[in-house]
Amino acid sequence: MPRPQTPGRVDRSRLPRSLAAGFTSLTAVIATSLAAGPASAASPVNPCALRRTGAHHSEGVDTWNASYHRPHRRLEAAMVFLSFPDAVPQATPAELTADYFPDTSSFFERASYGRFTLRPHPQRGWVRMPKSSTAYGIKRDWEPRRRAAYLRDAVHAADRSVDFSRYDVVYFVADPDAPGVDSDATKVVNFDRPMRVDGTELRRIVTVFEQHPPDRNVLAHETGHVFDLPDLYHRPKDGKGDWDTYVGDWDLMGSQFGLAPEPFGWHKWKLGWLDRSQIGCVDRAGRSVHSLEPLSAPVDRRTGGGRRLLVVRTATEAAIAVEVREARGNDAEVCSQGVLVYRVRSSTASGGGPIEVLDGHPHSGACWTSSVYPQLADAPLGVGERLTDRDSGVSVEALGTDGSGRWTVRVTLP
């Protein structure tokens, strides 16, 4: 992830077990992405559902990539803390656990309207790595063989005390004070072929190298990748320049520092947190008027919670999405409120701009001292305002809002 420029218990009672023979060729099977993966039924599809493509972390919602866990139930997460011979940890595993939990679980609890629970199982002691921290060459663009050696050693060392078959998600948390640890290297490592350990398949591991305390929402961001969500930030080719031009503060898959980290309604649809009754579809030319509830408002299960996302189909693999953002829940620090409009492309890979926020106020910005990208901080439309997407010609107008927070919007599809 880019940086700004300016309780359970792991089982320790078990004897060491042999690891899969595939460890000897681990370098060959590590990759930063998986193939498109097998399909499984997603939530009920409506005519505006974009198809899932072979793009890495495709934004398609017609099917689910079954090689990923879908977060619509409780998932168990192991936290394994790794120390090195060249450093004495200054923080305890309990202190590092508190850096991430319960905040990360609470984030997902709110974002999913209570439909998903992430339950951590932190190990109480350190797992000692066989080599010094500097021996692994840890950095953002990690040399594959060194990264493979790190993961091989980490799994082998942890397997003496951790039964990997008990967990859906695995976090390897490195001693943040070790000299060779680079916080910019935090990421999810995927395997082309699953690694078999303890009779189970490890398809990916979250490698955490954060400082203590860590970046805001960083673990929630990386966990999003475990659920097949893409990076929404723009990475400059030379590593310099602005990272946040695609979505700014909106959705933590853009920036872990964003003022509005609530996942886009599109991502909630993809993950199964919105059902068909909460998603509207415009797929025919003409004008139409729609009501939208704020995305972050709690859902009343008895009434269905109202419509949270409006989708305008513009092409086979493209759509315009419309939702209401307000200062509530995960978005309590949002810079501006109103009707947020963005493009979605299911054939665009992670990091390439699969989602782009449309700026309702292109000649102004907001929250210049706190926003990750002030130019988009005031992107939502206010009452009486309108924008037109230059690519599709679709226009969205915010007609008004009532006392309960519900907004009325008008869409024109040419």
Protein backbone atom coordinates (compact mmCIF):
# COMPACT_ATOMS: atom_id res chain seq x y z
CA MET A 1 0.00 0.00 0.00
CA PRO A 2 1.18 3.54 -0.66
CA ARG A 3 2.20 5.81 2.21
CA PRO A 4 1.33 9.51 2.22
CA GLN A 5 4.01 11.62 0.67
CA THR A 6 4.22 14.71 2.91
CA PRO A 7 -9.39 -13.34 20.62
CA GLY A 8 -8.64 -16.52 20.32
CA ARG A 9 -5.56 -18.55 20.85
CA VAL A 10 -3.31 -20.50 18.52
CA ASP A 11 -2.83 -24.13 19.49
CA ARG A 12 0.74 -24.53 20.80
CA SER A 13 0.41 -28.02 22.21
CA ARG A 14 1.17 -29.93 19.06
CA LEU A 15 4.41 -31.59 17.98
CA PRO A 16 6.10 -30.50 14.71
CA ARG A 17 4.55 -31.97 11.57
CA SER A 18 6.11 -32.55 8.18
CA LEU A 19 5.35 -29.96 5.54
CA ALA A 20 4.31 -30.62 1.99
CA ALA A 21 7.04 -31.71 -0.37
CA GLY A 22 6.18 -28.75 -2.53
CA PHE A 23 8.16 -26.50 -0.19
CA THR A 24 11.32 -27.32 -2.06
CA SER A 25 9.92 -25.59 -5.13
CA LEU A 26 8.10 -22.78 -3.37
CA THR A 27 9.84 -20.13 -5.43
CA ALA A 28 8.24 -21.45 -8.59
CA VAL A 29 4.70 -21.30 -7.32
CA ILE A 30 4.58 -17.88 -5.67
CA ALA A 31 2.90 -15.18 -7.71
CA THR A 32 1.25 -11.84 -7.07
CA SER A 33 -1.95 -13.02 -8.68
CA LEU A 34 -4.06 -16.07 -9.31
CA ALA A 35 -5.72 -17.17 -12.49
CA ALA A 36 -9.34 -16.19 -12.91
CA GLY A 37 -10.30 -19.16 -10.76
CA PRO A 38 -13.38 -21.36 -10.71
CA ALA A 39 -16.78 -19.77 -10.63
CA SER A 40 -19.41 -20.25 -7.99
CA ALA A 41 -22.86 -18.77 -7.68
CA ALA A 42 -22.86 -15.17 -6.51
CA SER A 43 -25.80 -13.31 -5.01
CA PRO A 44 -28.90 -13.16 -7.24
CA VAL A 45 -27.85 -11.41 -10.44
CA ASN A 46 -29.68 -8.46 -11.93
CA PRO A 47 -29.39 -7.13 -15.52
CA CYS A 48 -26.73 -4.61 -14.47
CA ALA A 49 -24.33 -7.21 -13.06
CA LEU A 50 -21.02 -7.06 -14.90
CA ARG A 51 -19.47 -10.40 -15.75
CA ARG A 52 -16.34 -11.51 -13.93
CA THR A 53 -13.38 -11.52 -16.32
CA GLY A 54 -9.85 -12.90 -16.16
CA ALA A 55 -8.53 -9.57 -14.89
CA HIS A 56 -6.79 -9.84 -11.52
CA HIS A 57 -9.41 -9.12 -8.82
CA SER A 58 -12.02 -8.49 -11.51
CA GLU A 59 -14.92 -6.28 -10.43
CA GLY A 60 -17.39 -8.64 -12.08
CA VAL A 61 -20.29 -9.67 -9.82
CA ASP A 62 -22.13 -12.31 -11.85
CA THR A 63 -20.11 -15.14 -10.28
CA TRP A 64 -17.75 -15.55 -7.34
CA ASN A 65 -14.12 -16.70 -7.67
CA ALA A 66 -14.27 -19.84 -5.53
CA SER A 67 -10.52 -19.79 -4.88
CA TYR A 68 -11.20 -16.96 -2.41
CA HIS A 69 -13.11 -17.07 0.84
CA ARG A 70 -16.32 -15.07 0.59
CA PRO A 71 -16.88 -13.02 3.76
CA HIS A 72 -20.55 -13.70 4.37
CA ARG A 73 -20.10 -15.70 7.57
CA ARG A 74 -17.58 -15.96 10.40
CA LEU A 75 -13.99 -16.54 9.29
CA GLU A 76 -11.14 -17.53 11.60
CA ALA A 77 -7.83 -15.68 11.31
CA ALA A 78 -4.47 -16.80 12.71
CA MET A 79 -1.97 -14.11 13.72
CA VAL A 80 1.58 -15.45 13.90
CA PHE A 81 4.32 -13.17 15.22
CA LEU A 82 7.80 -13.62 13.73
CA SER A 83 11.03 -12.58 15.43
CA PHE A 84 14.59 -12.69 14.07
CA PRO A 85 18.05 -13.56 15.46
CA ASP A 86 19.33 -10.02 14.79
CA ALA A 87 16.76 -8.19 16.96
CA VAL A 88 15.04 -8.37 20.32
CA PRO A 89 11.33 -7.44 19.94
CA GLN A 90 10.43 -4.22 21.71
CA ALA A 91 6.68 -4.90 21.54
CA THR A 92 4.80 -7.94 22.75
CA PRO A 93 2.44 -10.01 20.60
CA ALA A 94 -0.43 -8.73 22.73
CA GLU A 95 0.53 -5.12 21.97
CA LEU A 96 0.77 -5.82 18.26
CA THR A 97 -2.56 -7.62 18.30
CA ALA A 98 -4.13 -4.52 19.85
CA ASP A 99 -2.79 -2.49 16.90
CA TYR A 100 -5.21 -4.35 14.63
CA PHE A 101 -7.99 -5.85 16.70
CA PRO A 102 -10.77 -5.31 17.53
CA ASP A 103 -10.63 -2.35 15.08
CA THR A 104 -10.32 -4.50 11.95
CA SER A 105 -13.14 -6.83 12.97
CA SER A 106 -15.30 -3.84 13.91
CA PHE A 107 -14.68 -2.25 10.51
CA PHE A 108 -15.96 -5.33 8.69
CA GLU A 109 -18.84 -5.80 11.10
CA ARG A 110 -20.10 -2.30 10.28
CA ALA A 111 -19.36 -2.50 6.55
CA SER A 112 -21.19 -5.83 6.16
CA TYR A 113 -24.22 -4.77 8.23
CA GLY A 114 -23.37 -7.58 10.63
CA ARG A 115 -23.27 -10.24 7.92
CA PHE A 116 -19.56 -10.99 8.37
CA THR A 117 -17.37 -11.58 11.40
CA LEU A 118 -13.57 -11.78 11.29
CA ARG A 119 -12.41 -13.54 14.45
CA PRO A 120 -8.67 -13.27 15.25
CA HIS A 121 -6.63 -15.98 16.95
CA PRO A 122 -3.33 -14.32 17.95
CA GLN A 123 -0.42 -16.43 19.08
CA ARG A 124 0.81 -15.43 22.50
CA GLY A 125 4.53 -15.90 21.86
CA TRP A 126 7.08 -15.13 19.15
CA VAL A 127 7.99 -17.65 16.45
CA ARG A 128 11.74 -17.48 15.83
CA MET A 129 12.87 -17.27 12.22
CA PRO A 130 16.08 -19.15 11.32
CA LYS A 131 17.77 -16.20 9.58
CA SER A 132 18.35 -12.54 10.34
CA SER A 133 15.77 -10.03 9.14
CA THR A 134 18.30 -8.50 6.75
CA ALA A 135 18.93 -11.86 5.05
CA TYR A 136 15.52 -11.84 3.35
CA GLY A 137 15.83 -8.55 1.47
CA ILE A 138 12.39 -7.42 2.58
CA LYS A 139 11.02 -4.52 0.51
CA ARG A 140 7.97 -3.49 -1.52
CA ASP A 141 9.06 -5.00 -4.83
CA TRP A 142 10.52 -8.09 -3.27
CA GLU A 143 12.91 -10.36 -5.14
CA PRO A 144 10.85 -13.56 -5.64
CA ARG A 145 13.44 -16.04 -4.37
CA ARG A 146 14.02 -14.13 -1.15
CA ARG A 147 10.30 -13.74 -0.61
CA ALA A 148 9.85 -17.47 -1.18
CA ALA A 149 12.60 -18.21 1.34
CA TYR A 150 10.90 -15.97 3.90
CA LEU A 151 7.55 -17.70 3.49
CA ARG A 152 9.12 -21.17 3.50
CA ASP A 153 10.98 -20.43 6.72
CA ALA A 154 7.98 -18.74 8.33
CA VAL A 155 5.56 -21.58 7.63
CA HIS A 156 8.10 -24.20 8.69
CA ALA A 157 8.83 -22.37 11.97
CA ALA A 158 5.18 -21.66 12.72
CA ASP A 159 4.05 -25.20 11.92
CA ARG A 160 5.59 -26.38 15.20
CA SER A 161 2.84 -24.58 17.09
CA VAL A 162 0.13 -23.60 14.63
CA ASP A 163 -2.47 -25.91 13.12
CA PHE A 164 -3.12 -24.13 9.83
CA SER A 165 -6.13 -26.33 9.09
CA ARG A 166 -8.11 -24.41 11.70
CA TYR A 167 -7.94 -21.04 9.94
CA ASP A 168 -9.39 -19.31 6.89
CA VAL A 169 -6.98 -16.34 6.95
CA VAL A 170 -3.30 -16.28 7.96
CA TYR A 171 -1.38 -13.17 9.03
CA PHE A 172 2.41 -13.35 9.46
CA VAL A 173 3.32 -10.30 11.55
CA ALA A 174 7.04 -9.50 11.58
CA ASP A 175 8.82 -7.81 14.49
CA PRO A 176 8.45 -4.15 13.47
CA ASP A 177 11.74 -3.19 15.14
CA ALA A 178 13.93 -5.71 13.32
CA PRO A 179 16.48 -3.85 11.13
CA GLY A 180 15.57 -5.60 7.88
CA VAL A 181 11.81 -5.03 8.13
CA ASP A 182 10.35 -2.56 5.62
CA SER A 183 6.79 -1.42 6.35
CA ASP A 184 6.21 -0.78 2.65
CA ALA A 185 6.44 -4.54 2.01
CA THR A 186 3.12 -5.33 3.71
CA LYS A 187 1.00 -7.21 1.18
CA VAL A 188 -0.90 -10.39 0.38
CA VAL A 189 1.18 -13.08 -1.33
CA ASN A 190 -0.86 -15.43 -3.53
CA PHE A 191 0.24 -18.84 -4.77
CA ASP A 192 -0.31 -20.13 -8.29
CA ARG A 193 -0.70 -23.57 -6.75
CA PRO A 194 -1.92 -23.98 -3.15
CA MET A 195 0.61 -25.04 -0.52
CA ARG A 196 -0.47 -28.07 1.50
CA VAL A 197 0.19 -27.79 5.24
CA ASP A 198 -1.53 -29.71 8.03
CA GLY A 199 -3.82 -31.38 5.53
CA THR A 200 -5.16 -28.05 4.28
CA GLU A 201 -4.39 -25.76 1.35
CA LEU A 202 -2.84 -22.35 1.87
CA ARG A 203 -3.69 -20.22 -1.16
CA ARG A 204 -2.43 -16.89 0.18
CA ILE A 205 -0.75 -15.36 3.22
CA VAL A 206 -0.90 -11.79 4.48
CA THR A 207 2.66 -10.65 5.22
CA VAL A 208 2.62 -7.76 7.70
CA PHE A 209 5.69 -5.56 8.19
CA GLU A 210 3.99 -2.53 9.70
CA GLN A 211 5.43 -0.09 12.22
CA HIS A 212 4.09 0.00 15.77
CA PRO A 213 1.56 1.58 15.78
CA PRO A 214 0.65 0.74 12.17
CA ASP A 215 -0.94 2.72 9.38
CA ARG A 216 -4.65 3.34 9.75
CA ASN A 217 -6.86 0.57 8.31
CA VAL A 218 -3.86 -1.17 6.73
CA LEU A 219 -4.87 -4.65 7.86
CA ALA A 220 -8.45 -4.13 6.69
CA HIS A 221 -7.07 -3.11 3.28
CA GLU A 222 -4.88 -6.20 2.97
CA THR A 223 -7.70 -8.41 4.21
CA GLY A 224 -9.82 -6.98 1.42
CA HIS A 225 -7.41 -8.60 -1.04
CA VAL A 226 -8.00 -11.93 0.71
CA PHE A 227 -11.63 -11.46 -0.36
CA ASP A 228 -10.71 -10.71 -4.00
CA LEU A 229 -10.96 -6.92 -3.82
CA PRO A 230 -8.56 -4.95 -6.06
CA ASP A 231 -6.20 -2.09 -5.34
CA LEU A 232 -7.96 1.10 -6.37
CA TYR A 233 -5.00 3.44 -6.11
CA HIS A 234 -2.86 4.55 -9.02
CA ARG A 235 0.82 3.69 -8.71
CA PRO A 236 3.05 6.12 -10.62
CA LYS A 237 5.57 4.33 -12.83
CA ASP A 238 8.53 5.99 -11.12
CA GLY A 239 7.01 5.66 -7.66
CA LYS A 240 6.69 9.45 -7.46
CA GLY A 241 3.61 11.59 -7.80
CA ASP A 242 0.08 11.14 -6.53
CA TRP A 243 -1.23 7.65 -5.78
CA ASP A 244 -4.86 8.55 -5.17
CA THR A 245 -6.12 9.99 -8.45
CA TYR A 246 -8.63 7.21 -9.17
CA VAL A 247 -10.82 7.23 -6.05
CA GLY A 248 -9.21 9.60 -3.53
CA ASP A 249 -10.48 9.02 0.01
CA TRP A 250 -13.38 6.80 -1.09
CA ASP A 251 -13.10 3.07 -0.15
CA LEU A 252 -10.15 1.75 1.83
CA MET A 253 -8.97 -0.28 -1.18
CA GLY A 254 -7.87 3.08 -2.54
CA SER A 255 -6.05 4.39 0.53
CA GLN A 256 -5.75 3.07 4.05
CA PHE A 257 -5.57 6.72 5.18
CA GLY A 258 -8.78 7.81 3.46
CA LEU A 259 -11.40 9.88 5.26
CA ALA A 260 -14.18 7.72 3.77
CA PRO A 261 -12.95 4.11 4.01
CA GLU A 262 -16.39 2.48 3.82
CA PRO A 263 -16.29 -0.01 0.90
CA PHE A 264 -18.06 1.11 -2.22
CA GLY A 265 -21.57 -0.25 -2.65
CA TRP A 266 -20.22 -2.17 -5.64
CA HIS A 267 -17.80 -4.01 -3.39
CA LYS A 268 -20.57 -4.74 -0.91
CA TRP A 269 -22.52 -6.27 -3.78
CA LYS A 270 -19.52 -8.31 -4.83
CA LEU A 271 -18.92 -9.61 -1.29
CA GLY A 272 -22.54 -10.51 -0.72
CA TRP A 273 -23.37 -7.78 1.81
CA LEU A 274 -26.09 -6.25 -0.38
CA ASP A 275 -28.95 -8.35 -1.70
CA ARG A 276 -30.94 -7.85 -4.87
CA SER A 277 -33.60 -5.72 -3.19
CA GLN A 278 -30.91 -3.20 -2.20
CA ILE A 279 -29.53 -2.77 -5.73
CA GLY A 280 -31.31 -0.82 -8.45
CA CYS A 281 -30.60 -1.22 -12.15
CA VAL A 282 -30.94 1.14 -15.11
CA ASP A 283 -30.32 -0.64 -18.41
CA ARG A 284 -32.71 1.15 -20.77
CA ALA A 285 -32.42 4.56 -22.37
CA GLY A 286 -34.41 7.44 -20.95
CA ARG A 287 -34.97 9.26 -17.66
CA SER A 288 -35.75 7.56 -14.37
CA VAL A 289 -36.07 8.65 -10.74
CA HIS A 290 -34.80 6.59 -7.82
CA SER A 291 -34.57 6.70 -4.01
CA LEU A 292 -31.34 5.79 -2.21
CA GLU A 293 -30.59 5.18 1.46
CA PRO A 294 -27.15 6.19 2.83
CA LEU A 295 -24.66 3.39 2.22
CA SER A 296 -23.36 3.32 5.79
CA ALA A 297 -26.75 3.43 7.52
CA PRO A 298 -27.56 0.32 9.57
CA VAL A 299 -29.80 -2.24 7.88
CA ASP A 300 -33.12 -3.19 9.39
CA ARG A 301 -33.40 -6.88 8.54
CA ARG A 302 -37.20 -6.74 8.83
CA THR A 303 -37.58 -4.10 6.12
CA GLY A 304 -34.54 -4.99 4.00
CA GLY A 305 -32.79 -1.71 4.64
CA GLY A 306 -33.85 0.06 1.45
CA ARG A 307 -31.94 0.55 -1.79
CA ARG A 308 -28.24 1.32 -1.23
CA LEU A 309 -26.75 1.10 -4.73
CA LEU A 310 -27.96 2.21 -8.15
CA VAL A 311 -26.20 0.78 -11.21
CA VAL A 312 -26.44 2.18 -14.74
CA ARG A 313 -25.29 -0.33 -17.34
CA THR A 314 -23.18 1.42 -20.00
CA ALA A 315 -21.39 -1.46 -21.77
CA THR A 316 -20.78 -5.19 -21.59
CA GLU A 317 -18.02 -4.74 -19.02
CA ALA A 318 -18.72 -1.23 -17.74
CA ALA A 319 -21.24 0.56 -15.56
CA ILE A 320 -21.88 3.75 -13.60
CA ALA A 321 -22.62 3.29 -9.90
CA VAL A 322 -24.48 5.76 -7.67
CA GLU A 323 -24.66 5.74 -3.87
CA VAL A 324 -25.14 8.09 -0.93
CA ARG A 325 -22.26 8.76 1.46
CA GLU A 326 -22.70 10.44 4.83
CA ALA A 327 -20.75 10.98 8.06
CA ARG A 328 -21.63 7.76 9.84
CA GLY A 329 -19.94 4.51 10.91
CA ASN A 330 -16.74 3.83 8.98
CA ASP A 331 -17.26 7.15 7.18
CA ALA A 332 -17.53 9.23 10.38
CA GLU A 333 -14.66 11.47 9.21
CA VAL A 334 -15.92 11.91 5.65
CA CYS A 335 -15.03 15.28 4.15
CA SER A 336 -18.26 15.90 2.23
CA GLN A 337 -21.62 14.16 2.03
CA GLY A 338 -24.07 13.53 -0.76
CA VAL A 339 -24.52 11.46 -3.92
CA LEU A 340 -21.29 9.78 -5.04
CA VAL A 341 -20.96 8.62 -8.64
CA TYR A 342 -18.23 6.36 -10.05
CA ARG A 343 -17.33 4.22 -13.06
CA VAL A 344 -16.74 0.46 -12.79
CA ARG A 345 -14.92 -1.70 -15.36
CA SER A 346 -14.80 -5.46 -14.79
CA SER A 347 -12.05 -6.06 -17.37
CA THR A 348 -9.59 -3.65 -15.72
CA ALA A 349 -7.12 -5.33 -13.38
CA SER A 350 -6.22 -4.37 -9.83
CA GLY A 351 -4.11 -1.22 -9.81
CA GLY A 352 -5.24 -0.18 -13.29
CA GLY A 353 -8.26 1.86 -12.23
CA PRO A 354 -11.16 -0.64 -12.17
CA ILE A 355 -13.12 2.03 -10.30
CA GLU A 356 -12.89 5.78 -10.94
CA VAL A 357 -14.80 8.37 -8.92
CA LEU A 358 -16.51 11.07 -10.99
CA ASP A 359 -15.94 14.52 -9.56
CA GLY A 360 -19.15 16.43 -8.95
CA HIS A 361 -17.08 19.58 -8.34
CA PRO A 362 -14.15 19.39 -10.78
CA HIS A 363 -13.04 22.98 -10.19
CA SER A 364 -12.69 22.74 -6.43
CA GLY A 365 -11.36 20.55 -3.63
CA ALA A 366 -11.81 20.16 0.11
CA CYS A 367 -10.10 19.11 3.34
CA TRP A 368 -6.69 20.10 2.03
CA THR A 369 -4.86 19.27 5.26
CA SER A 370 -6.45 15.85 5.88
CA SER A 371 -7.60 14.35 2.57
CA VAL A 372 -5.35 11.99 0.64
CA TYR A 373 -6.52 13.68 -2.59
CA PRO A 374 -8.44 16.92 -1.94
CA GLN A 375 -9.49 17.23 -5.56
CA LEU A 376 -11.93 14.32 -5.05
CA ALA A 377 -12.76 14.97 -1.39
CA ASP A 378 -15.78 17.05 -2.44
CA ALA A 379 -16.82 14.70 -5.26
CA PRO A 380 -20.39 13.95 -4.04
CA LEU A 381 -23.30 15.89 -5.50
CA GLY A 382 -25.39 18.12 -3.27
CA VAL A 383 -29.08 18.91 -3.68
CA GLY A 384 -29.81 20.35 -7.12
CA GLU A 385 -26.42 19.40 -8.57
CA ARG A 386 -25.78 17.28 -11.62
CA LEU A 387 -22.88 15.64 -13.45
CA THR A 388 -22.51 13.93 -16.81
CA ASP A 389 -20.04 11.13 -17.49
CA ARG A 390 -18.02 12.13 -20.54
CA ASP A 391 -17.44 8.50 -21.59
CA SER A 392 -21.01 7.20 -21.58
CA GLY A 393 -23.10 10.37 -21.63
CA VAL A 394 -24.97 9.21 -18.52
CA SER A 395 -26.09 12.07 -16.29
CA VAL A 396 -26.96 11.90 -12.59
CA GLU A 397 -28.82 14.64 -10.74
CA ALA A 398 -29.38 14.88 -6.98
CA LEU A 399 -32.97 16.09 -6.68
CA GLY A 400 -33.30 16.23 -2.92
CA THR A 401 -33.20 14.51 0.45
CA ASP A 402 -35.75 13.98 3.20
CA GLY A 403 -35.33 14.18 6.96
CA SER A 404 -34.45 10.49 7.28
CA GLY A 405 -31.39 10.74 5.03
CA ARG A 406 -33.00 9.19 1.95
CA TRP A 407 -31.99 10.86 -1.32
CA THR A 408 -33.85 11.13 -4.62
CA VAL A 409 -31.77 11.03 -7.80
CA ARG A 410 -32.61 11.28 -11.47
CA VAL A 411 -30.66 9.33 -14.07
CA THR A 412 -30.60 9.97 -17.80
CA LEU A 413 -29.26 7.15 -19.96
CA PRO A 414 -28.87 8.28 -23.60
